Amino acid sequence: MRNILYIIILVVALCACNNSTQKERILDMAESMAVEHPDSAQTILETLYPYSKLTQQQRARCGILLATAKLQQNKAFASDSLLDNSVSYFKQNCDSIELFKAYQLKAYQSMWRGQQDSMSYYLQQSINMIGEGNKTQLYSLYMKLADIYCEPSADKDYNKAIQYARKALTYAEAAQQKAYALHQIGACYGFINENDSALVYIARAIDSSQQNKGESNYTTYVLNYANTPGVNYEKAKSYLTELPENSLGRLITLGFLNLNNRHIGIAKYFYDKADSLYSSAPDKYSINTYNSLRILNACVKYTLGEEVSVSEGISRNDSISQVISRKE
């Protein structure tokens, strides 16, 4: 199939010239391939360079297609200027469908450029074009707004993130959507140390996704609930026991939960089980999981009065709460 695509690309490249009809055919072909074969679509579109020789309509269309093809490949298009032409042209010609696409792509372009406020602006412009009845798109766009203000690479503003996630929640229809929005609100409250509010919202997220206990999101909600300072021990334990027994995250979290509640023997029991599971397939787990397991081991040893090596990063002057906080 790929060989056929390359032949098509070659034929198109050889046929490309100043003929407007042929250029329209190239744009049509690229549009038909942009999602499933974005690399080929990009190659076809690049045969149209220099883009200044295209008509205004063709240049506007090419800007959207080229950005879409790059986005599908997770390629940055921060330096592309064609999108600005697309926005101007479709805005001037009142083409709401294409303008909506252009705003979405400009938001991603702003993300690649690290321009958080510009990304927010273009998402807001997209929202303004959608009717109140289109709840699915409104939910998605407001959650995108919430997410960009939690990005590690951006200037975090958790209060804004909470505001947008709350708005998304008003448009959520499926239980999974409600659970995700609720969890994001709770997580943001946790980041600003409003732990009581964090626990309330994450618990609501868990309750909203009870029917999806096998999904990874459910596991994340439960683990984040149990790891939030001030958590109710019995409630956290009941949530954790709903996770699969062979879940390493469950075992490690139960270890810390019991350690925090001075159930040292039980904490050691869960550490031993977690260590055995990890040792059976270490390549299966991330470095963060390994570090959490190592810190749990050091905390248990410390609490039992055993010697802790320097490599485990614990001083006799540390409190247990200081040590556990390093897990985050």
C-alpha atoms as a PDB file:
ATOM      1  CA  MET A   1       0.000   0.000   0.000  1.00  0.00           C
ATOM      2  CA  ARG A   2       2.822   2.394   0.877  1.00  0.00           C
ATOM      3  CA  ASN A   3       4.493   1.720  -2.497  1.00  0.00           C
ATOM      4  CA  ILE A   4       1.283   2.736  -4.245  1.00  0.00           C
ATOM      5  CA  LEU A   5       1.196   5.920  -2.204  1.00  0.00           C
ATOM      6  CA  TYR A   6       4.744   6.776  -3.153  1.00  0.00           C
ATOM      7  CA  ILE A   7       3.904   6.249  -6.830  1.00  0.00           C
ATOM      8  CA  ILE A   8       0.921   8.583  -6.458  1.00  0.00           C
ATOM      9  CA  ILE A   9       3.126  11.164  -4.766  1.00  0.00           C
ATOM     10  CA  LEU A  10       5.687  10.913  -7.559  1.00  0.00           C
ATOM     11  CA  VAL A  11       3.057  11.286 -10.269  1.00  0.00           C
ATOM     12  CA  VAL A  12       1.512  14.275  -8.512  1.00  0.00           C
ATOM     13  CA  ALA A  13       4.911  15.900  -8.028  1.00  0.00           C
ATOM     14  CA  LEU A  14       5.734  15.505 -11.712  1.00  0.00           C
ATOM     15  CA  CYS A  15       2.370  16.909 -12.751  1.00  0.00           C
ATOM     16  CA  ALA A  16       2.495  19.891 -10.390  1.00  0.00           C
ATOM     17  CA  CYS A  17       2.639  23.163 -12.260  1.00  0.00           C
ATOM     18  CA  ASN A  18       0.890  26.505 -12.402  1.00  0.00           C
ATOM     19  CA  ASN A  19      -2.387  24.997 -13.579  1.00  0.00           C
ATOM     20  CA  SER A  20      -5.002  25.900 -10.952  1.00  0.00           C
ATOM     21  CA  THR A  21      -7.095  22.799 -11.637  1.00  0.00           C
ATOM     22  CA  GLN A  22      -4.123  20.517 -11.005  1.00  0.00           C
ATOM     23  CA  LYS A  23      -3.416  22.318  -7.755  1.00  0.00           C
ATOM     24  CA  GLU A  24      -6.997  21.765  -6.651  1.00  0.00           C
ATOM     25  CA  ARG A  25      -6.557  18.056  -7.389  1.00  0.00           C
ATOM     26  CA  ILE A  26      -3.423  17.984  -5.264  1.00  0.00           C
ATOM     27  CA  LEU A  27      -5.298  19.637  -2.403  1.00  0.00           C
ATOM     28  CA  ASP A  28      -8.181  17.162  -2.793  1.00  0.00           C
ATOM     29  CA  MET A  29      -5.787  14.214  -2.738  1.00  0.00           C
ATOM     30  CA  ALA A  30      -3.977  15.544   0.336  1.00  0.00           C
ATOM     31  CA  GLU A  31      -7.289  16.082   2.131  1.00  0.00           C
ATOM     32  CA  SER A  32      -8.319  12.472   1.483  1.00  0.00           C
ATOM     33  CA  MET A  33      -5.027  11.233   2.981  1.00  0.00           C
ATOM     34  CA  ALA A  34      -4.413  13.725   5.808  1.00  0.00           C
ATOM     35  CA  VAL A  35      -5.767  11.536   8.624  1.00  0.00           C
ATOM     36  CA  GLU A  36      -4.781   7.987   7.648  1.00  0.00           C
ATOM     37  CA  HIS A  37      -1.587   8.805   5.724  1.00  0.00           C
ATOM     38  CA  PRO A  38      -0.461  12.207   7.045  1.00  0.00           C
ATOM     39  CA  ASP A  39       3.189  11.732   6.000  1.00  0.00           C
ATOM     40  CA  SER A  40       2.139  11.205   2.381  1.00  0.00           C
ATOM     41  CA  ALA A  41      -0.302  14.115   2.560  1.00  0.00           C
ATOM     42  CA  GLN A  42       2.486  16.385   3.794  1.00  0.00           C
ATOM     43  CA  THR A  43       4.773  15.279   0.955  1.00  0.00           C
ATOM     44  CA  ILE A  44       2.073  16.006  -1.619  1.00  0.00           C
ATOM     45  CA  LEU A  45       1.346  19.440  -0.173  1.00  0.00           C
ATOM     46  CA  GLU A  46       5.012  20.375  -0.195  1.00  0.00           C
ATOM     47  CA  THR A  47       5.059  19.935  -3.991  1.00  0.00           C
ATOM     48  CA  LEU A  48       2.935  23.102  -4.119  1.00  0.00           C
ATOM     49  CA  TYR A  49       5.759  25.247  -2.729  1.00  0.00           C
ATOM     50  CA  PRO A  50       6.223  28.190  -3.105  1.00  0.00           C
ATOM     51  CA  TYR A  51       2.779  28.720  -1.620  1.00  0.00           C
ATOM     52  CA  SER A  52       2.759  32.357  -2.710  1.00  0.00           C
ATOM     53  CA  LYS A  53       1.830  31.137  -6.198  1.00  0.00           C
ATOM     54  CA  LEU A  54      -1.433  29.647  -4.922  1.00  0.00           C
ATOM     55  CA  THR A  55      -4.679  31.575  -4.969  1.00  0.00           C
ATOM     56  CA  GLN A  56      -5.863  33.000  -1.626  1.00  0.00           C
ATOM     57  CA  GLN A  57      -8.434  30.223  -1.281  1.00  0.00           C
ATOM     58  CA  GLN A  58      -5.887  27.518  -2.128  1.00  0.00           C
ATOM     59  CA  ARG A  59      -3.332  28.982   0.281  1.00  0.00           C
ATOM     60  CA  ALA A  60      -5.912  29.086   3.085  1.00  0.00           C
ATOM     61  CA  ARG A  61      -6.910  25.500   2.414  1.00  0.00           C
ATOM     62  CA  CYS A  62      -3.283  24.369   2.147  1.00  0.00           C
ATOM     63  CA  GLY A  63      -2.511  25.962   5.520  1.00  0.00           C
ATOM     64  CA  ILE A  64      -5.170  23.891   7.253  1.00  0.00           C
ATOM     65  CA  LEU A  65      -4.257  20.643   5.472  1.00  0.00           C
ATOM     66  CA  LEU A  66      -0.516  21.005   6.086  1.00  0.00           C
ATOM     67  CA  ALA A  67      -1.016  21.756   9.793  1.00  0.00           C
ATOM     68  CA  THR A  68      -3.455  18.844  10.097  1.00  0.00           C
ATOM     69  CA  ALA A  69      -0.991  16.441   8.480  1.00  0.00           C
ATOM     70  CA  LYS A  70       1.797  17.565  10.815  1.00  0.00           C
ATOM     71  CA  LEU A  71      -0.456  17.364  13.868  1.00  0.00           C
ATOM     72  CA  GLN A  72      -1.398  13.784  12.957  1.00  0.00           C
ATOM     73  CA  GLN A  73       2.323  12.972  12.971  1.00  0.00           C
ATOM     74  CA  ASN A  74       2.869  14.887  16.221  1.00  0.00           C
ATOM     75  CA  LYS A  75       5.195  17.254  14.376  1.00  0.00           C
ATOM     76  CA  ALA A  76       5.596  20.845  15.493  1.00  0.00           C
ATOM     77  CA  PHE A  77       4.358  23.525  13.125  1.00  0.00           C
ATOM     78  CA  ALA A  78       5.213  26.522  15.266  1.00  0.00           C
ATOM     79  CA  SER A  79       6.950  28.395  12.442  1.00  0.00           C
ATOM     80  CA  ASP A  80       4.264  27.844   9.804  1.00  0.00           C
ATOM     81  CA  SER A  81       2.724  31.142   8.690  1.00  0.00           C
ATOM     82  CA  LEU A  82       0.086  29.677   6.370  1.00  0.00           C
ATOM     83  CA  LEU A  83      -2.382  29.253   9.225  1.00  0.00           C
ATOM     84  CA  ASP A  84      -2.604  33.006   9.719  1.00  0.00           C
ATOM     85  CA  ASN A  85      -3.715  33.279   6.102  1.00  0.00           C
ATOM     86  CA  SER A  86      -6.264  30.513   6.711  1.00  0.00           C
ATOM     87  CA  VAL A  87      -7.781  32.324   9.693  1.00  0.00           C
ATOM     88  CA  SER A  88      -7.959  35.647   7.843  1.00  0.00           C
ATOM     89  CA  TYR A  89      -9.395  34.172   4.645  1.00  0.00           C
ATOM     90  CA  PHE A  90     -12.094  32.002   6.228  1.00  0.00           C
ATOM     91  CA  LYS A  91     -13.051  34.737   8.677  1.00  0.00           C
ATOM     92  CA  GLN A  92     -13.410  37.231   5.833  1.00  0.00           C
ATOM     93  CA  ASN A  93     -15.451  34.763   3.787  1.00  0.00           C
ATOM     94  CA  CYS A  94     -17.650  33.715   6.742  1.00  0.00           C
ATOM     95  CA  ASP A  95     -16.757  30.022   6.325  1.00  0.00           C
ATOM     96  CA  SER A  96     -17.523  28.907   9.872  1.00  0.00           C
ATOM     97  CA  ILE A  97     -16.614  25.236   9.313  1.00  0.00           C
ATOM     98  CA  GLU A  98     -13.102  25.950   8.018  1.00  0.00           C
ATOM     99  CA  LEU A  99     -12.604  28.814  10.470  1.00  0.00           C
ATOM    100  CA  PHE A 100     -13.420  26.482  13.355  1.00  0.00           C
ATOM    101  CA  LYS A 101     -10.721  24.071  12.111  1.00  0.00           C
ATOM    102  CA  ALA A 102      -8.264  26.944  11.741  1.00  0.00           C
ATOM    103  CA  TYR A 103      -8.859  28.159  15.307  1.00  0.00           C
ATOM    104  CA  GLN A 104      -8.279  24.643  16.634  1.00  0.00           C
ATOM    105  CA  LEU A 105      -5.029  24.342  14.719  1.00  0.00           C
ATOM    106  CA  LYS A 106      -3.905  27.805  15.822  1.00  0.00           C
ATOM    107  CA  ALA A 107      -4.425  26.667  19.414  1.00  0.00           C
ATOM    108  CA  TYR A 108      -2.065  23.731  18.833  1.00  0.00           C
ATOM    109  CA  GLN A 109       0.410  26.015  17.067  1.00  0.00           C
ATOM    110  CA  SER A 110       0.362  28.301  20.121  1.00  0.00           C
ATOM    111  CA  MET A 111       1.048  25.268  22.292  1.00  0.00           C
ATOM    112  CA  TRP A 112       4.127  24.397  20.195  1.00  0.00           C
ATOM    113  CA  ARG A 113       5.272  28.005  20.544  1.00  0.00           C
ATOM    114  CA  GLY A 114       4.766  27.926  24.305  1.00  0.00           C
ATOM    115  CA  GLN A 115       2.181  30.718  24.076  1.00  0.00           C
ATOM    116  CA  GLN A 116      -0.293  29.631  26.723  1.00  0.00           C
ATOM    117  CA  ASP A 117      -2.549  32.682  26.600  1.00  0.00           C
ATOM    118  CA  SER A 118      -2.742  32.539  22.790  1.00  0.00           C
ATOM    119  CA  MET A 119      -3.740  28.898  22.975  1.00  0.00           C
ATOM    120  CA  SER A 120      -6.457  29.839  25.449  1.00  0.00           C
ATOM    121  CA  TYR A 121      -7.612  32.653  23.136  1.00  0.00           C
ATOM    122  CA  TYR A 122      -8.029  30.389  20.106  1.00  0.00           C
ATOM    123  CA  LEU A 123      -9.835  27.725  22.120  1.00  0.00           C
ATOM    124  CA  GLN A 124     -12.172  30.431  23.420  1.00  0.00           C
ATOM    125  CA  GLN A 125     -12.776  31.568  19.842  1.00  0.00           C
ATOM    126  CA  SER A 126     -13.656  27.979  18.959  1.00  0.00           C
ATOM    127  CA  ILE A 127     -16.080  27.813  21.884  1.00  0.00           C
ATOM    128  CA  ASN A 128     -17.774  31.027  20.756  1.00  0.00           C
ATOM    129  CA  MET A 129     -18.576  29.386  17.426  1.00  0.00           C
ATOM    130  CA  ILE A 130     -20.347  26.383  18.955  1.00  0.00           C
ATOM    131  CA  GLY A 131     -23.999  26.325  19.905  1.00  0.00           C
ATOM    132  CA  GLU A 132     -24.997  25.409  23.462  1.00  0.00           C
ATOM    133  CA  GLY A 133     -26.540  22.219  22.137  1.00  0.00           C
ATOM    134  CA  ASN A 134     -23.205  20.757  21.070  1.00  0.00           C
ATOM    135  CA  LYS A 135     -22.256  19.475  24.513  1.00  0.00           C
ATOM    136  CA  THR A 136     -19.648  16.980  23.333  1.00  0.00           C
ATOM    137  CA  GLN A 137     -17.470  19.608  21.659  1.00  0.00           C
ATOM    138  CA  LEU A 138     -17.993  22.127  24.439  1.00  0.00           C
ATOM    139  CA  TYR A 139     -16.929  19.558  27.028  1.00  0.00           C
ATOM    140  CA  SER A 140     -13.829  18.710  25.016  1.00  0.00           C
ATOM    141  CA  LEU A 141     -12.781  22.330  24.492  1.00  0.00           C
ATOM    142  CA  TYR A 142     -13.276  23.360  28.124  1.00  0.00           C
ATOM    143  CA  MET A 143     -11.286  20.333  29.269  1.00  0.00           C
ATOM    144  CA  LYS A 144      -8.496  21.322  26.870  1.00  0.00           C
ATOM    145  CA  LEU A 145      -8.516  24.759  28.472  1.00  0.00           C
ATOM    146  CA  ALA A 146      -8.323  23.180  31.912  1.00  0.00           C
ATOM    147  CA  ASP A 147      -5.484  20.904  30.857  1.00  0.00           C
ATOM    148  CA  ILE A 148      -3.281  23.641  29.373  1.00  0.00           C
ATOM    149  CA  TYR A 149      -3.220  25.459  32.710  1.00  0.00           C
ATOM    150  CA  CYS A 150      -1.889  22.300  34.362  1.00  0.00           C
ATOM    151  CA  GLU A 151       0.868  21.659  31.808  1.00  0.00           C
ATOM    152  CA  PRO A 152       4.329  21.265  33.388  1.00  0.00           C
ATOM    153  CA  SER A 153       5.836  23.129  30.421  1.00  0.00           C
ATOM    154  CA  ALA A 154       3.453  26.094  30.820  1.00  0.00           C
ATOM    155  CA  ASP A 155       2.798  28.667  33.515  1.00  0.00           C
ATOM    156  CA  LYS A 156       0.541  26.739  35.838  1.00  0.00           C
ATOM    157  CA  ASP A 157      -2.651  28.455  36.972  1.00  0.00           C
ATOM    158  CA  TYR A 158      -4.639  25.869  38.883  1.00  0.00           C
ATOM    159  CA  ASN A 159      -7.441  28.283  39.742  1.00  0.00           C
ATOM    160  CA  LYS A 160      -8.065  28.844  36.028  1.00  0.00           C
ATOM    161  CA  ALA A 161      -7.849  25.108  35.440  1.00  0.00           C
ATOM    162  CA  ILE A 162     -10.495  24.524  38.118  1.00  0.00           C
ATOM    163  CA  GLN A 163     -12.718  27.203  36.568  1.00  0.00           C
ATOM    164  CA  TYR A 164     -12.576  25.589  33.104  1.00  0.00           C
ATOM    165  CA  ALA A 165     -12.956  22.034  34.421  1.00  0.00           C
ATOM    166  CA  ARG A 166     -16.079  23.123  36.322  1.00  0.00           C
ATOM    167  CA  LYS A 167     -17.445  24.566  33.083  1.00  0.00           C
ATOM    168  CA  ALA A 168     -16.651  21.333  31.256  1.00  0.00           C
ATOM    169  CA  LEU A 169     -18.495  19.425  33.969  1.00  0.00           C
ATOM    170  CA  THR A 170     -21.722  21.279  33.114  1.00  0.00           C
ATOM    171  CA  TYR A 171     -21.530  19.816  29.588  1.00  0.00           C
ATOM    172  CA  ALA A 172     -20.467  16.287  30.568  1.00  0.00           C
ATOM    173  CA  GLU A 173     -23.026  13.656  29.593  1.00  0.00           C
ATOM    174  CA  ALA A 174     -21.272  10.293  29.943  1.00  0.00           C
ATOM    175  CA  ALA A 175     -20.211   9.012  33.359  1.00  0.00           C
ATOM    176  CA  GLN A 176     -16.586   8.810  32.181  1.00  0.00           C
ATOM    177  CA  GLN A 177     -16.659  12.475  31.177  1.00  0.00           C
ATOM    178  CA  LYS A 178     -18.045  13.527  34.547  1.00  0.00           C
ATOM    179  CA  ALA A 179     -15.483  11.408  36.372  1.00  0.00           C
ATOM    180  CA  TYR A 180     -12.567  12.866  34.414  1.00  0.00           C
ATOM    181  CA  ALA A 181     -13.675  16.463  35.000  1.00  0.00           C
ATOM    182  CA  LEU A 182     -14.281  15.822  38.708  1.00  0.00           C
ATOM    183  CA  HIS A 183     -10.870  14.229  39.101  1.00  0.00           C
ATOM    184  CA  GLN A 184      -9.149  17.123  37.346  1.00  0.00           C
ATOM    185  CA  ILE A 185     -10.866  19.577  39.696  1.00  0.00           C
ATOM    186  CA  GLY A 186      -9.803  17.494  42.685  1.00  0.00           C
ATOM    187  CA  ALA A 187      -6.224  17.134  41.460  1.00  0.00           C
ATOM    188  CA  CYS A 188      -5.946  20.905  40.978  1.00  0.00           C
ATOM    189  CA  TYR A 189      -7.209  21.518  44.503  1.00  0.00           C
ATOM    190  CA  GLY A 190      -4.510  19.114  45.671  1.00  0.00           C
ATOM    191  CA  PHE A 191      -1.833  21.086  43.822  1.00  0.00           C
ATOM    192  CA  ILE A 192      -2.813  24.240  45.734  1.00  0.00           C
ATOM    193  CA  ASN A 193      -2.924  22.294  49.026  1.00  0.00           C
ATOM    194  CA  GLU A 194      -6.699  22.487  49.482  1.00  0.00           C
ATOM    195  CA  ASN A 195      -6.749  18.809  50.359  1.00  0.00           C
ATOM    196  CA  ASP A 196     -10.272  18.626  51.819  1.00  0.00           C
ATOM    197  CA  SER A 197     -11.727  19.864  48.533  1.00  0.00           C
ATOM    198  CA  ALA A 198      -9.377  17.569  46.599  1.00  0.00           C
ATOM    199  CA  LEU A 199     -10.646  14.521  48.483  1.00  0.00           C
ATOM    200  CA  VAL A 200     -14.306  15.478  47.951  1.00  0.00           C
ATOM    201  CA  TYR A 201     -13.956  15.845  44.181  1.00  0.00           C
ATOM    202  CA  ILE A 202     -11.739  12.802  43.642  1.00  0.00           C
ATOM    203  CA  ALA A 203     -14.182  10.696  45.677  1.00  0.00           C
ATOM    204  CA  ARG A 204     -16.995  11.939  43.423  1.00  0.00           C
ATOM    205  CA  ALA A 205     -14.893  10.956  40.402  1.00  0.00           C
ATOM    206  CA  ILE A 206     -14.457   7.464  41.802  1.00  0.00           C
ATOM    207  CA  ASP A 207     -18.176   7.151  42.482  1.00  0.00           C
ATOM    208  CA  SER A 208     -18.969   8.315  38.925  1.00  0.00           C
ATOM    209  CA  SER A 209     -16.746   5.632  37.405  1.00  0.00           C
ATOM    210  CA  GLN A 210     -17.668   2.684  39.627  1.00  0.00           C
ATOM    211  CA  GLN A 211     -19.004   0.786  36.616  1.00  0.00           C
ATOM    212  CA  ASN A 212     -15.602   1.114  34.905  1.00  0.00           C
ATOM    213  CA  LYS A 213     -13.380  -0.404  37.583  1.00  0.00           C
ATOM    214  CA  GLY A 214     -11.215  -2.138  35.012  1.00  0.00           C
ATOM    215  CA  GLU A 215     -10.174   1.091  33.287  1.00  0.00           C
ATOM    216  CA  SER A 216      -6.838   2.797  33.892  1.00  0.00           C
ATOM    217  CA  ASN A 217      -8.536   6.099  34.765  1.00  0.00           C
ATOM    218  CA  TYR A 218     -10.382   4.439  37.639  1.00  0.00           C
ATOM    219  CA  THR A 219      -7.089   3.110  39.008  1.00  0.00           C
ATOM    220  CA  THR A 220      -5.557   6.595  38.746  1.00  0.00           C
ATOM    221  CA  TYR A 221      -8.478   8.157  40.639  1.00  0.00           C
ATOM    222  CA  VAL A 222      -8.228   5.605  43.451  1.00  0.00           C
ATOM    223  CA  LEU A 223      -4.448   5.921  43.787  1.00  0.00           C
ATOM    224  CA  ASN A 224      -4.598   9.729  43.807  1.00  0.00           C
ATOM    225  CA  TYR A 225      -7.359   9.665  46.425  1.00  0.00           C
ATOM    226  CA  ALA A 226      -5.354   7.363  48.699  1.00  0.00           C
ATOM    227  CA  ASN A 227      -2.200   9.487  48.285  1.00  0.00           C
ATOM    228  CA  THR A 228      -3.865  12.800  49.158  1.00  0.00           C
ATOM    229  CA  PRO A 229      -2.853  14.124  52.617  1.00  0.00           C
ATOM    230  CA  GLY A 230      -5.641  13.870  55.195  1.00  0.00           C
ATOM    231  CA  VAL A 231      -7.364  10.973  53.442  1.00  0.00           C
ATOM    232  CA  ASN A 232      -9.837   8.849  55.390  1.00  0.00           C
ATOM    233  CA  TYR A 233      -7.995   5.572  56.053  1.00  0.00           C
ATOM    234  CA  GLU A 234     -10.988   3.233  55.894  1.00  0.00           C
ATOM    235  CA  LYS A 235     -12.443   4.821  52.782  1.00  0.00           C
ATOM    236  CA  ALA A 236      -9.113   4.792  50.973  1.00  0.00           C
ATOM    237  CA  LYS A 237      -8.529   1.168  51.928  1.00  0.00           C
ATOM    238  CA  SER A 238     -11.977   0.167  50.644  1.00  0.00           C
ATOM    239  CA  TYR A 239     -11.288   1.859  47.296  1.00  0.00           C
ATOM    240  CA  LEU A 240      -7.853   0.259  46.998  1.00  0.00           C
ATOM    241  CA  THR A 241      -9.167  -3.244  47.646  1.00  0.00           C
ATOM    242  CA  GLU A 242     -11.337  -2.841  44.531  1.00  0.00           C
ATOM    243  CA  LEU A 243      -8.201  -2.737  42.357  1.00  0.00           C
ATOM    244  CA  PRO A 244      -6.636  -5.974  41.032  1.00  0.00           C
ATOM    245  CA  GLU A 245      -4.447  -7.767  43.551  1.00  0.00           C
ATOM    246  CA  ASN A 246      -1.541  -7.870  41.102  1.00  0.00           C
ATOM    247  CA  SER A 247      -1.532  -4.074  40.756  1.00  0.00           C
ATOM    248  CA  LEU A 248       1.848  -2.799  41.905  1.00  0.00           C
ATOM    249  CA  GLY A 249       0.445   0.709  42.409  1.00  0.00           C
ATOM    250  CA  ARG A 250      -2.215  -0.710  44.720  1.00  0.00           C
ATOM    251  CA  LEU A 251       0.345  -2.579  46.845  1.00  0.00           C
ATOM    252  CA  ILE A 252       2.731   0.380  47.129  1.00  0.00           C
ATOM    253  CA  THR A 253      -0.097   2.776  47.967  1.00  0.00           C
ATOM    254  CA  LEU A 254      -1.472   0.414  50.617  1.00  0.00           C
ATOM    255  CA  GLY A 255       2.032   0.311  52.056  1.00  0.00           C
ATOM    256  CA  PHE A 256       2.222   4.101  52.379  1.00  0.00           C
ATOM    257  CA  LEU A 257      -1.391   4.344  53.575  1.00  0.00           C
ATOM    258  CA  ASN A 258      -0.726   1.921  56.433  1.00  0.00           C
ATOM    259  CA  LEU A 259       2.606   3.545  57.185  1.00  0.00           C
ATOM    260  CA  ASN A 260       0.899   6.931  57.550  1.00  0.00           C
ATOM    261  CA  ASN A 261      -1.590   5.352  59.953  1.00  0.00           C
ATOM    262  CA  ARG A 262       1.168   3.667  62.010  1.00  0.00           C
ATOM    263  CA  HIS A 263       0.264   0.139  60.904  1.00  0.00           C
ATOM    264  CA  ILE A 264       3.924  -0.660  60.386  1.00  0.00           C
ATOM    265  CA  GLY A 265       3.612  -4.465  60.240  1.00  0.00           C
ATOM    266  CA  ILE A 266       0.903  -4.210  57.581  1.00  0.00           C
ATOM    267  CA  ALA A 267       2.973  -1.640  55.662  1.00  0.00           C
ATOM    268  CA  LYS A 268       5.918  -4.060  55.626  1.00  0.00           C
ATOM    269  CA  TYR A 269       3.628  -6.863  54.436  1.00  0.00           C
ATOM    270  CA  PHE A 270       2.503  -4.788  51.446  1.00  0.00           C
ATOM    271  CA  TYR A 271       6.079  -3.700  50.725  1.00  0.00           C
ATOM    272  CA  ASP A 272       7.220  -7.332  50.627  1.00  0.00           C
ATOM    273  CA  LYS A 273       4.393  -8.237  48.231  1.00  0.00           C
ATOM    274  CA  ALA A 274       5.144  -5.236  46.042  1.00  0.00           C
ATOM    275  CA  ASP A 275       8.862  -5.996  45.998  1.00  0.00           C
ATOM    276  CA  SER A 276       8.209  -9.596  44.979  1.00  0.00           C
ATOM    277  CA  LEU A 277       5.874  -8.507  42.173  1.00  0.00           C
ATOM    278  CA  TYR A 278       8.367  -5.907  40.938  1.00  0.00           C
ATOM    279  CA  SER A 279      11.285  -8.359  41.023  1.00  0.00           C
ATOM    280  CA  SER A 280       9.360 -10.835  38.871  1.00  0.00           C
ATOM    281  CA  ALA A 281       9.283  -8.398  35.930  1.00  0.00           C
ATOM    282  CA  PRO A 282      11.295  -5.205  36.604  1.00  0.00           C
ATOM    283  CA  ASP A 283      11.342  -4.154  32.935  1.00  0.00           C
ATOM    284  CA  LYS A 284       7.559  -3.872  33.015  1.00  0.00           C
ATOM    285  CA  TYR A 285       7.584  -0.871  35.367  1.00  0.00           C
ATOM    286  CA  SER A 286       8.743   2.747  35.157  1.00  0.00           C
ATOM    287  CA  ILE A 287      11.580   4.394  37.067  1.00  0.00           C
ATOM    288  CA  ASN A 288       8.972   6.343  39.074  1.00  0.00           C
ATOM    289  CA  THR A 289       7.439   3.073  40.245  1.00  0.00           C
ATOM    290  CA  TYR A 290      10.872   1.791  41.234  1.00  0.00           C
ATOM    291  CA  ASN A 291      11.601   4.988  43.174  1.00  0.00           C
ATOM    292  CA  SER A 292       8.267   4.791  45.026  1.00  0.00           C
ATOM    293  CA  LEU A 293       9.027   1.198  45.975  1.00  0.00           C
ATOM    294  CA  ARG A 294      12.533   2.150  47.149  1.00  0.00           C
ATOM    295  CA  ILE A 295      11.193   5.009  49.281  1.00  0.00           C
ATOM    296  CA  LEU A 296       8.524   2.753  50.817  1.00  0.00           C
ATOM    297  CA  ASN A 297      11.233   0.277  51.769  1.00  0.00           C
ATOM    298  CA  ALA A 298      13.351   3.046  53.318  1.00  0.00           C
ATOM    299  CA  CYS A 299      10.363   4.414  55.252  1.00  0.00           C
ATOM    300  CA  VAL A 300       9.462   1.010  56.646  1.00  0.00           C
ATOM    301  CA  LYS A 301      13.067   0.357  57.681  1.00  0.00           C
ATOM    302  CA  TYR A 302      13.323   3.812  59.249  1.00  0.00           C
ATOM    303  CA  THR A 303      10.132   3.336  61.240  1.00  0.00           C
ATOM    304  CA  LEU A 304      11.246  -0.071  62.467  1.00  0.00           C
ATOM    305  CA  GLY A 305      14.539   1.466  63.602  1.00  0.00           C
ATOM    306  CA  GLU A 306      16.629  -0.420  61.066  1.00  0.00           C
ATOM    307  CA  GLU A 307      19.717   1.026  59.370  1.00  0.00           C
ATOM    308  CA  VAL A 308      18.967   2.997  56.226  1.00  0.00           C
ATOM    309  CA  SER A 309      21.730   3.494  53.659  1.00  0.00           C
ATOM    310  CA  VAL A 310      22.764   6.920  52.383  1.00  0.00           C
ATOM    311  CA  SER A 311      21.598   5.891  48.895  1.00  0.00           C
ATOM    312  CA  GLU A 312      18.080   5.596  50.252  1.00  0.00           C
ATOM    313  CA  GLY A 313      18.178   9.311  50.957  1.00  0.00           C
ATOM    314  CA  ILE A 314      16.982   9.361  54.560  1.00  0.00           C
ATOM    315  CA  SER A 315      18.641  11.119  57.468  1.00  0.00           C
ATOM    316  CA  ARG A 316      18.022  10.399  61.117  1.00  0.00           C
ATOM    317  CA  ASN A 317      17.015  14.063  61.366  1.00  0.00           C
ATOM    318  CA  ASP A 318      14.131  13.542  58.938  1.00  0.00           C
ATOM    319  CA  SER A 319      10.579  12.978  60.047  1.00  0.00           C
ATOM    320  CA  ILE A 320       8.532  10.266  58.356  1.00  0.00           C
ATOM    321  CA  SER A 321       6.246  12.910  56.849  1.00  0.00           C
ATOM    322  CA  GLN A 322       9.290  14.594  55.256  1.00  0.00           C
ATOM    323  CA  VAL A 323      10.439  11.304  53.787  1.00  0.00           C
ATOM    324  CA  ILE A 324       7.049  10.338  52.412  1.00  0.00           C
ATOM    325  CA  SER A 325       6.596  13.780  50.866  1.00  0.00           C
ATOM    326  CA  ARG A 326       9.574  13.031  48.596  1.00  0.00           C
ATOM    327  CA  LYS A 327       7.473  10.376  46.902  1.00  0.00           C
ATOM    328  CA  GLU A 328       5.344  13.056  45.248  1.00  0.00           C
END
